[in-house]
PDB file of N, CA and C in Angstrom:
ATOM      1  N   MET A   1     169.922 108.865 114.922  1.00  0.00           N
ATOM      2  CA  MET A   1     169.082 107.867 114.286  1.00  0.00           C
ATOM      3  C   MET A   1     168.426 107.020 115.374  1.00  0.00           C
ATOM      4  N   SER A   2     167.137 106.822 115.243  1.00  0.00           N
ATOM      5  CA  SER A   2     166.416 106.053 116.252  1.00  0.00           C
ATOM      6  C   SER A   2     166.751 104.569 116.142  1.00  0.00           C
ATOM      7  N   THR A   3     166.513 103.854 117.216  1.00  0.00           N
ATOM      8  CA  THR A   3     166.738 102.411 117.228  1.00  0.00           C
ATOM      9  C   THR A   3     165.866 101.738 116.183  1.00  0.00           C
ATOM     10  N   PHE A   4     164.651 102.244 115.992  1.00  0.00           N
ATOM     11  CA  PHE A   4     163.764 101.681 114.977  1.00  0.00           C
ATOM     12  C   PHE A   4     164.407 101.742 113.599  1.00  0.00           C
ATOM     13  N   LEU A   5     164.944 102.888 113.233  1.00  0.00           N
ATOM     14  CA  LEU A   5     165.554 103.031 111.907  1.00  0.00           C
ATOM     15  C   LEU A   5     166.786 102.148 111.764  1.00  0.00           C
ATOM     16  N   GLN A   6     167.548 101.999 112.833  1.00  0.00           N
ATOM     17  CA  GLN A   6     168.703 101.095 112.796  1.00  0.00           C
ATOM     18  C   GLN A   6     168.235  99.658 112.566  1.00  0.00           C
ATOM     19  N   ASP A   7     167.185  99.252 113.278  1.00  0.00           N
ATOM     20  CA  ASP A   7     166.657  97.896 113.108  1.00  0.00           C
ATOM     21  C   ASP A   7     166.066  97.701 111.716  1.00  0.00           C
ATOM     22  N   ALA A   8     165.432  98.729 111.173  1.00  0.00           N
ATOM     23  CA  ALA A   8     164.824  98.634 109.842  1.00  0.00           C
ATOM     24  C   ALA A   8     165.881  98.444 108.757  1.00  0.00           C
ATOM     25  N   GLN A   9     167.063  98.988 108.973  1.00  0.00           N
ATOM     26  CA  GLN A   9     168.136  98.854 107.988  1.00  0.00           C
ATOM     27  C   GLN A   9     168.849  97.512 108.077  1.00  0.00           C
ATOM     28  N   ASP A  10     168.723  96.834 109.205  1.00  0.00           N
ATOM     29  CA  ASP A  10     169.380  95.532 109.396  1.00  0.00           C
ATOM     30  C   ASP A  10     168.510  94.444 108.765  1.00  0.00           C
ATOM     31  N   GLU A  11     168.917  93.987 107.585  1.00  0.00           N
ATOM     32  CA  GLU A  11     168.120  93.018 106.842  1.00  0.00           C
ATOM     33  C   GLU A  11     168.125  91.626 107.467  1.00  0.00           C
ATOM     34  N   SER A  12     169.003  91.375 108.412  1.00  0.00           N
ATOM     35  CA  SER A  12     169.046  90.058 109.047  1.00  0.00           C
ATOM     36  C   SER A  12     167.964  89.900 110.119  1.00  0.00           C
ATOM     37  N   LEU A  13     167.362  91.003 110.558  1.00  0.00           N
ATOM     38  CA  LEU A  13     166.303  90.947 111.567  1.00  0.00           C
ATOM     39  C   LEU A  13     164.944  90.867 110.879  1.00  0.00           C
ATOM     40  N   THR A  14     164.492  89.642 110.602  1.00  0.00           N
ATOM     41  CA  THR A  14     163.196  89.450 109.953  1.00  0.00           C
ATOM     42  C   THR A  14     162.393  88.414 110.712  1.00  0.00           C
ATOM     43  N   MET A  15     161.104  88.376 110.404  1.00  0.00           N
ATOM     44  CA  MET A  15     160.241  87.337 110.944  1.00  0.00           C
ATOM     45  C   MET A  15     159.284  86.911 109.846  1.00  0.00           C
ATOM     46  N   ASN A  16     158.785  85.706 109.947  1.00  0.00           N
ATOM     47  CA  ASN A  16     157.861  85.193 108.959  1.00  0.00           C
ATOM     48  C   ASN A  16     156.443  85.529 109.388  1.00  0.00           C
ATOM     49  N   TYR A  17     155.728  86.232 108.534  1.00  0.00           N
ATOM     50  CA  TYR A  17     154.342  86.600 108.806  1.00  0.00           C
ATOM     51  C   TYR A  17     153.520  86.270 107.568  1.00  0.00           C
ATOM     52  N   ASN A  18     152.577  85.372 107.711  1.00  0.00           N
ATOM     53  CA  ASN A  18     151.734  84.922 106.587  1.00  0.00           C
ATOM     54  C   ASN A  18     152.573  84.454 105.396  1.00  0.00           C
ATOM     55  N   GLY A  19     153.645  83.740 105.686  1.00  0.00           N
ATOM     56  CA  GLY A  19     154.480  83.191 104.628  1.00  0.00           C
ATOM     57  C   GLY A  19     155.468  84.151 104.005  1.00  0.00           C
ATOM     58  N   LYS A  20     155.535  85.380 104.505  1.00  0.00           N
ATOM     59  CA  LYS A  20     156.469  86.371 103.970  1.00  0.00           C
ATOM     60  C   LYS A  20     157.413  86.819 105.074  1.00  0.00           C
ATOM     61  N   ASP A  21     158.660  87.050 104.709  1.00  0.00           N
ATOM     62  CA  ASP A  21     159.610  87.619 105.653  1.00  0.00           C
ATOM     63  C   ASP A  21     159.414  89.129 105.678  1.00  0.00           C
ATOM     64  N   ILE A  22     159.200  89.673 106.867  1.00  0.00           N
ATOM     65  CA  ILE A  22     159.077  91.123 107.019  1.00  0.00           C
ATOM     66  C   ILE A  22     160.115  91.580 108.039  1.00  0.00           C
ATOM     67  N   PRO A  23     160.591  92.809 107.904  1.00  0.00           N
ATOM     68  CA  PRO A  23     161.550  93.315 108.895  1.00  0.00           C
ATOM     69  C   PRO A  23     160.912  93.361 110.284  1.00  0.00           C
ATOM     70  N   LEU A  24     161.647  92.924 111.254  1.00  0.00           N
ATOM     71  CA  LEU A  24     161.160  92.921 112.629  1.00  0.00           C
ATOM     72  C   LEU A  24     160.798  94.327 113.096  1.00  0.00           C
ATOM     73  N   ALA A  25     161.517  95.316 112.621  1.00  0.00           N
ATOM     74  CA  ALA A  25     161.232  96.698 113.008  1.00  0.00           C
ATOM     75  C   ALA A  25     159.828  97.108 112.592  1.00  0.00           C
ATOM     76  N   TYR A  26     159.372  96.661 111.433  1.00  0.00           N
ATOM     77  CA  TYR A  26     158.036  97.032 110.980  1.00  0.00           C
ATOM     78  C   TYR A  26     156.950  96.255 111.706  1.00  0.00           C
ATOM     79  N   TRP A  27     157.261  95.061 112.148  1.00  0.00           N
ATOM     80  CA  TRP A  27     156.340  94.336 113.025  1.00  0.00           C
ATOM     81  C   TRP A  27     156.182  95.125 114.331  1.00  0.00           C
ATOM     82  N   ASN A  28     157.294  95.598 114.878  1.00  0.00           N
ATOM     83  CA  ASN A  28     157.241  96.415 116.091  1.00  0.00           C
ATOM     84  C   ASN A  28     156.425  97.683 115.863  1.00  0.00           C
ATOM     85  N   LEU A  29     156.535  98.258 114.686  1.00  0.00           N
ATOM     86  CA  LEU A  29     155.787  99.469 114.348  1.00  0.00           C
ATOM     87  C   LEU A  29     154.277  99.216 114.416  1.00  0.00           C
ATOM     88  N   VAL A  30     153.832  98.142 113.816  1.00  0.00           N
ATOM     89  CA  VAL A  30     152.401  97.823 113.795  1.00  0.00           C
ATOM     90  C   VAL A  30     151.893  97.500 115.203  1.00  0.00           C
ATOM     91  N   MET A  31     152.661  96.722 115.938  1.00  0.00           N
ATOM     92  CA  MET A  31     152.235  96.362 117.296  1.00  0.00           C
ATOM     93  C   MET A  31     152.233  97.588 118.212  1.00  0.00           C
ATOM     94  N   THR A  32     153.171  98.488 118.007  1.00  0.00           N
ATOM     95  CA  THR A  32     153.226  99.696 118.828  1.00  0.00           C
ATOM     96  C   THR A  32     152.047 100.608 118.532  1.00  0.00           C
ATOM     97  N   LYS A  33     151.618 100.648 117.291  1.00  0.00           N
ATOM     98  CA  LYS A  33     150.429 101.441 116.953  1.00  0.00           C
ATOM     99  C   LYS A  33     149.235 100.933 117.771  1.00  0.00           C
ATOM    100  N   ARG A  34     149.081  99.628 117.828  1.00  0.00           N
ATOM    101  CA  ARG A  34     148.004  99.036 118.620  1.00  0.00           C
ATOM    102  C   ARG A  34     148.163  99.363 120.108  1.00  0.00           C
ATOM    103  N   ASP A  35     149.371  99.188 120.615  1.00  0.00           N
ATOM    104  CA  ASP A  35     149.615  99.397 122.038  1.00  0.00           C
ATOM    105  C   ASP A  35     149.430 100.858 122.452  1.00  0.00           C
ATOM    106  N   LEU A  36     149.944 101.776 121.634  1.00  0.00           N
ATOM    107  CA  LEU A  36     149.785 103.197 121.949  1.00  0.00           C
ATOM    108  C   LEU A  36     148.323 103.620 121.898  1.00  0.00           C
ATOM    109  N   SER A  37     147.589 103.052 120.980  1.00  0.00           N
ATOM    110  CA  SER A  37     146.170 103.358 120.890  1.00  0.00           C
ATOM    111  C   SER A  37     145.455 102.953 122.184  1.00  0.00           C
ATOM    112  N   LEU A  38     145.772 101.777 122.679  1.00  0.00           N
ATOM    113  CA  LEU A  38     145.184 101.325 123.948  1.00  0.00           C
ATOM    114  C   LEU A  38     145.546 102.266 125.088  1.00  0.00           C
ATOM    115  N   TRP A  39     146.821 102.639 125.156  1.00  0.00           N
ATOM    116  CA  TRP A  39     147.293 103.448 126.276  1.00  0.00           C
ATOM    117  C   TRP A  39     146.786 104.879 126.208  1.00  0.00           C
ATOM    118  N   CYS A  40     146.868 105.487 125.017  1.00  0.00           N
ATOM    119  CA  CYS A  40     146.491 106.902 124.883  1.00  0.00           C
ATOM    120  C   CYS A  40     144.984 107.114 124.901  1.00  0.00           C
ATOM    121  N   LYS A  41     144.247 106.243 124.254  1.00  0.00           N
ATOM    122  CA  LYS A  41     142.807 106.455 124.126  1.00  0.00           C
ATOM    123  C   LYS A  41     142.000 105.856 125.273  1.00  0.00           C
ATOM    124  N   LEU A  42     142.457 104.719 125.790  1.00  0.00           N
ATOM    125  CA  LEU A  42     141.686 104.029 126.823  1.00  0.00           C
ATOM    126  C   LEU A  42     142.360 104.026 128.194  1.00  0.00           C
ATOM    127  N   GLY A  43     143.616 104.467 128.245  1.00  0.00           N
ATOM    128  CA  GLY A  43     144.342 104.462 129.514  1.00  0.00           C
ATOM    129  C   GLY A  43     144.704 103.063 129.983  1.00  0.00           C
ATOM    130  N   MET A  44     144.824 102.136 129.042  1.00  0.00           N
ATOM    131  CA  MET A  44     145.063 100.733 129.376  1.00  0.00           C
ATOM    132  C   MET A  44     146.440 100.297 128.891  1.00  0.00           C
ATOM    133  N   LYS A  45     147.240  99.717 129.788  1.00  0.00           N
ATOM    134  CA  LYS A  45     148.531  99.188 129.382  1.00  0.00           C
ATOM    135  C   LYS A  45     148.307  97.854 128.667  1.00  0.00           C
ATOM    136  N   PRO A  46     148.986  97.628 127.534  1.00  0.00           N
ATOM    137  CA  PRO A  46     148.801  96.378 126.794  1.00  0.00           C
ATOM    138  C   PRO A  46     149.216  95.133 127.586  1.00  0.00           C
ATOM    139  N   ASN A  47     150.240  95.272 128.413  1.00  0.00           N
ATOM    140  CA  ASN A  47     150.636  94.184 129.316  1.00  0.00           C
ATOM    141  C   ASN A  47     151.376  94.798 130.506  1.00  0.00           C
ATOM    142  N   ARG A  48     151.601  94.013 131.511  1.00  0.00           N
ATOM    143  CA  ARG A  48     152.139  94.599 132.748  1.00  0.00           C
ATOM    144  C   ARG A  48     153.589  95.048 132.638  1.00  0.00           C
ATOM    145  N   HIS A  49     154.296  94.595 131.616  1.00  0.00           N
ATOM    146  CA  HIS A  49     155.704  94.984 131.460  1.00  0.00           C
ATOM    147  C   HIS A  49     155.888  96.137 130.476  1.00  0.00           C
ATOM    148  N   TRP A  50     154.820  96.584 129.841  1.00  0.00           N
ATOM    149  CA  TRP A  50     154.886  97.621 128.817  1.00  0.00           C
ATOM    150  C   TRP A  50     155.152  98.981 129.452  1.00  0.00           C
ATOM    151  N   LYS A  51     156.079  99.744 128.844  1.00  0.00           N
ATOM    152  CA  LYS A  51     156.387 101.099 129.326  1.00  0.00           C
ATOM    153  C   LYS A  51     156.401 102.047 128.144  1.00  0.00           C
ATOM    154  N   VAL A  52     155.745 103.164 128.315  1.00  0.00           N
ATOM    155  CA  VAL A  52     155.690 104.143 127.240  1.00  0.00           C
ATOM    156  C   VAL A  52     157.072 104.740 126.979  1.00  0.00           C
ATOM    157  N   THR A  53     157.921 104.798 127.972  1.00  0.00           N
ATOM    158  CA  THR A  53     159.266 105.336 127.759  1.00  0.00           C
ATOM    159  C   THR A  53     160.068 104.458 126.793  1.00  0.00           C
ATOM    160  N   ASP A  54     159.835 103.156 126.813  1.00  0.00           N
ATOM    161  CA  ASP A  54     160.504 102.272 125.860  1.00  0.00           C
ATOM    162  C   ASP A  54     160.085 102.604 124.432  1.00  0.00           C
ATOM    163  N   VAL A  55     158.805 102.887 124.245  1.00  0.00           N
ATOM    164  CA  VAL A  55     158.287 103.262 122.927  1.00  0.00           C
ATOM    165  C   VAL A  55     158.897 104.581 122.477  1.00  0.00           C
ATOM    166  N   LYS A  56     158.940 105.552 123.372  1.00  0.00           N
ATOM    167  CA  LYS A  56     159.491 106.860 123.037  1.00  0.00           C
ATOM    168  C   LYS A  56     160.954 106.745 122.623  1.00  0.00           C
ATOM    169  N   LYS A  57     161.727 105.944 123.327  1.00  0.00           N
ATOM    170  CA  LYS A  57     163.141 105.778 123.004  1.00  0.00           C
ATOM    171  C   LYS A  57     163.322 105.035 121.683  1.00  0.00           C
ATOM    172  N   TYR A  58     162.576 103.967 121.474  1.00  0.00           N
ATOM    173  CA  TYR A  58     162.738 103.128 120.292  1.00  0.00           C
ATOM    174  C   TYR A  58     162.394 103.898 119.014  1.00  0.00           C
ATOM    175  N   PHE A  59     161.313 104.672 119.061  1.00  0.00           N
ATOM    176  CA  PHE A  59     160.870 105.402 117.879  1.00  0.00           C
ATOM    177  C   PHE A  59     161.311 106.858 117.866  1.00  0.00           C
ATOM    178  N   ASP A  60     161.978 107.292 118.916  1.00  0.00           N
ATOM    179  CA  ASP A  60     162.466 108.669 119.029  1.00  0.00           C
ATOM    180  C   ASP A  60     161.314 109.668 118.843  1.00  0.00           C
ATOM    181  N   ILE A  61     160.270 109.483 119.662  1.00  0.00           N
ATOM    182  CA  ILE A  61     159.127 110.399 119.637  1.00  0.00           C
ATOM    183  C   ILE A  61     158.949 110.993 121.023  1.00  0.00           C
ATOM    184  N   LYS A  62     158.266 112.127 121.056  1.00  0.00           N
ATOM    185  CA  LYS A  62     158.041 112.820 122.320  1.00  0.00           C
ATOM    186  C   LYS A  62     156.571 113.159 122.434  1.00  0.00           C
ATOM    187  N   GLY A  63     156.136 113.401 123.657  1.00  0.00           N
ATOM    188  CA  GLY A  63     154.769 113.843 123.857  1.00  0.00           C
ATOM    189  C   GLY A  63     154.176 113.315 125.142  1.00  0.00           C
ATOM    190  N   THR A  64     153.033 113.881 125.477  1.00  0.00           N
ATOM    191  CA  THR A  64     152.277 113.426 126.641  1.00  0.00           C
ATOM    192  C   THR A  64     151.228 112.434 126.154  1.00  0.00           C
ATOM    193  N   ARG A  65     150.474 111.900 127.072  1.00  0.00           N
ATOM    194  CA  ARG A  65     149.439 110.935 126.698  1.00  0.00           C
ATOM    195  C   ARG A  65     148.496 111.531 125.647  1.00  0.00           C
ATOM    196  N   GLU A  66     148.214 112.817 125.756  1.00  0.00           N
ATOM    197  CA  GLU A  66     147.273 113.469 124.842  1.00  0.00           C
ATOM    198  C   GLU A  66     147.866 113.681 123.445  1.00  0.00           C
ATOM    199  N   THR A  67     149.177 113.903 123.351  1.00  0.00           N
ATOM    200  CA  THR A  67     149.784 114.228 122.054  1.00  0.00           C
ATOM    201  C   THR A  67     150.628 113.097 121.473  1.00  0.00           C
ATOM    202  N   LEU A  68     150.974 112.116 122.268  1.00  0.00           N
ATOM    203  CA  LEU A  68     151.903 111.073 121.830  1.00  0.00           C
ATOM    204  C   LEU A  68     151.353 110.260 120.673  1.00  0.00           C
ATOM    205  N   TYR A  69     150.101 109.860 120.735  1.00  0.00           N
ATOM    206  CA  TYR A  69     149.521 109.038 119.672  1.00  0.00           C
ATOM    207  C   TYR A  69     149.541 109.793 118.343  1.00  0.00           C
ATOM    208  N   ASP A  70     149.166 111.070 118.351  1.00  0.00           N
ATOM    209  CA  ASP A  70     149.181 111.862 117.118  1.00  0.00           C
ATOM    210  C   ASP A  70     150.599 112.004 116.569  1.00  0.00           C
ATOM    211  N   ASN A  71     151.564 112.229 117.452  1.00  0.00           N
ATOM    212  CA  ASN A  71     152.962 112.326 117.023  1.00  0.00           C
ATOM    213  C   ASN A  71     153.431 111.003 116.410  1.00  0.00           C
ATOM    214  N   PHE A  72     153.037 109.910 117.022  1.00  0.00           N
ATOM    215  CA  PHE A  72     153.416 108.598 116.517  1.00  0.00           C
ATOM    216  C   PHE A  72     152.775 108.346 115.153  1.00  0.00           C
ATOM    217  N   ILE A  73     151.500 108.686 115.006  1.00  0.00           N
ATOM    218  CA  ILE A  73     150.798 108.451 113.746  1.00  0.00           C
ATOM    219  C   ILE A  73     151.418 109.273 112.613  1.00  0.00           C
ATOM    220  N   LYS A  74     151.850 110.494 112.917  1.00  0.00           N
ATOM    221  CA  LYS A  74     152.527 111.290 111.889  1.00  0.00           C
ATOM    222  C   LYS A  74     153.779 110.568 111.402  1.00  0.00           C
ATOM    223  N   LYS A  75     154.564 110.069 112.345  1.00  0.00           N
ATOM    224  CA  LYS A  75     155.792 109.369 111.991  1.00  0.00           C
ATOM    225  C   LYS A  75     155.477 107.999 111.383  1.00  0.00           C
ATOM    226  N   TYR A  76     154.464 107.347 111.880  1.00  0.00           N
ATOM    227  CA  TYR A  76     154.046 106.026 111.405  1.00  0.00           C
ATOM    228  C   TYR A  76     153.680 106.082 109.929  1.00  0.00           C
ATOM    229  N   GLY A  77     152.908 107.072 109.531  1.00  0.00           N
ATOM    230  CA  GLY A  77     152.533 107.209 108.136  1.00  0.00           C
ATOM    231  C   GLY A  77     153.732 107.433 107.240  1.00  0.00           C
ATOM    232  N   VAL A  78     154.649 108.260 107.674  1.00  0.00           N
ATOM    233  CA  VAL A  78     155.859 108.527 106.901  1.00  0.00           C
ATOM    234  C   VAL A  78     156.693 107.256 106.761  1.00  0.00           C
ATOM    235  N   LEU A  79     156.828 106.516 107.832  1.00  0.00           N
ATOM    236  CA  LEU A  79     157.654 105.306 107.811  1.00  0.00           C
ATOM    237  C   LEU A  79     157.039 104.243 106.910  1.00  0.00           C
ATOM    238  N   LEU A  80     155.727 104.123 106.894  1.00  0.00           N
ATOM    239  CA  LEU A  80     155.106 103.136 106.018  1.00  0.00           C
ATOM    240  C   LEU A  80     155.263 103.518 104.550  1.00  0.00           C
ATOM    241  N   ARG A  81     155.188 104.793 104.228  1.00  0.00           N
ATOM    242  CA  ARG A  81     155.403 105.218 102.846  1.00  0.00           C
ATOM    243  C   ARG A  81     156.830 104.920 102.394  1.00  0.00           C
ATOM    244  N   GLU A  82     157.788 105.033 103.307  1.00  0.00           N
ATOM    245  CA  GLU A  82     159.185 104.720 102.974  1.00  0.00           C
ATOM    246  C   GLU A  82     159.346 103.241 102.684  1.00  0.00           C
ATOM    247  N   GLN A  83     158.607 102.396 103.384  1.00  0.00           N
ATOM    248  CA  GLN A  83     158.736 100.946 103.231  1.00  0.00           C
ATOM    249  C   GLN A  83     158.199 100.479 101.883  1.00  0.00           C
ATOM    250  N   SER A  84     157.110 101.086 101.390  1.00  0.00           N
ATOM    251  CA  SER A  84     156.509 100.594 100.146  1.00  0.00           C
ATOM    252  C   SER A  84     157.166 101.144  98.911  1.00  0.00           C
TER     253      SER A  84
END
């Protein structure tokens, strides 16, 4: 089980976004989509401490720069359908 799924199941890890409590894991999911898009499509790191290996470990995904974003989006869509 990936760290993301473990965090998603922990109901105590939430944050307030627009007046609603959302699981912190899903906030990470949305921000990672943005960050991976920057890295894979533009070759730009979102910040100087960002590492793609951290993303791969957290979401349990594999791939190179060319395939990683597509692999993430496949999993991202599935995870969002599970949430709703």
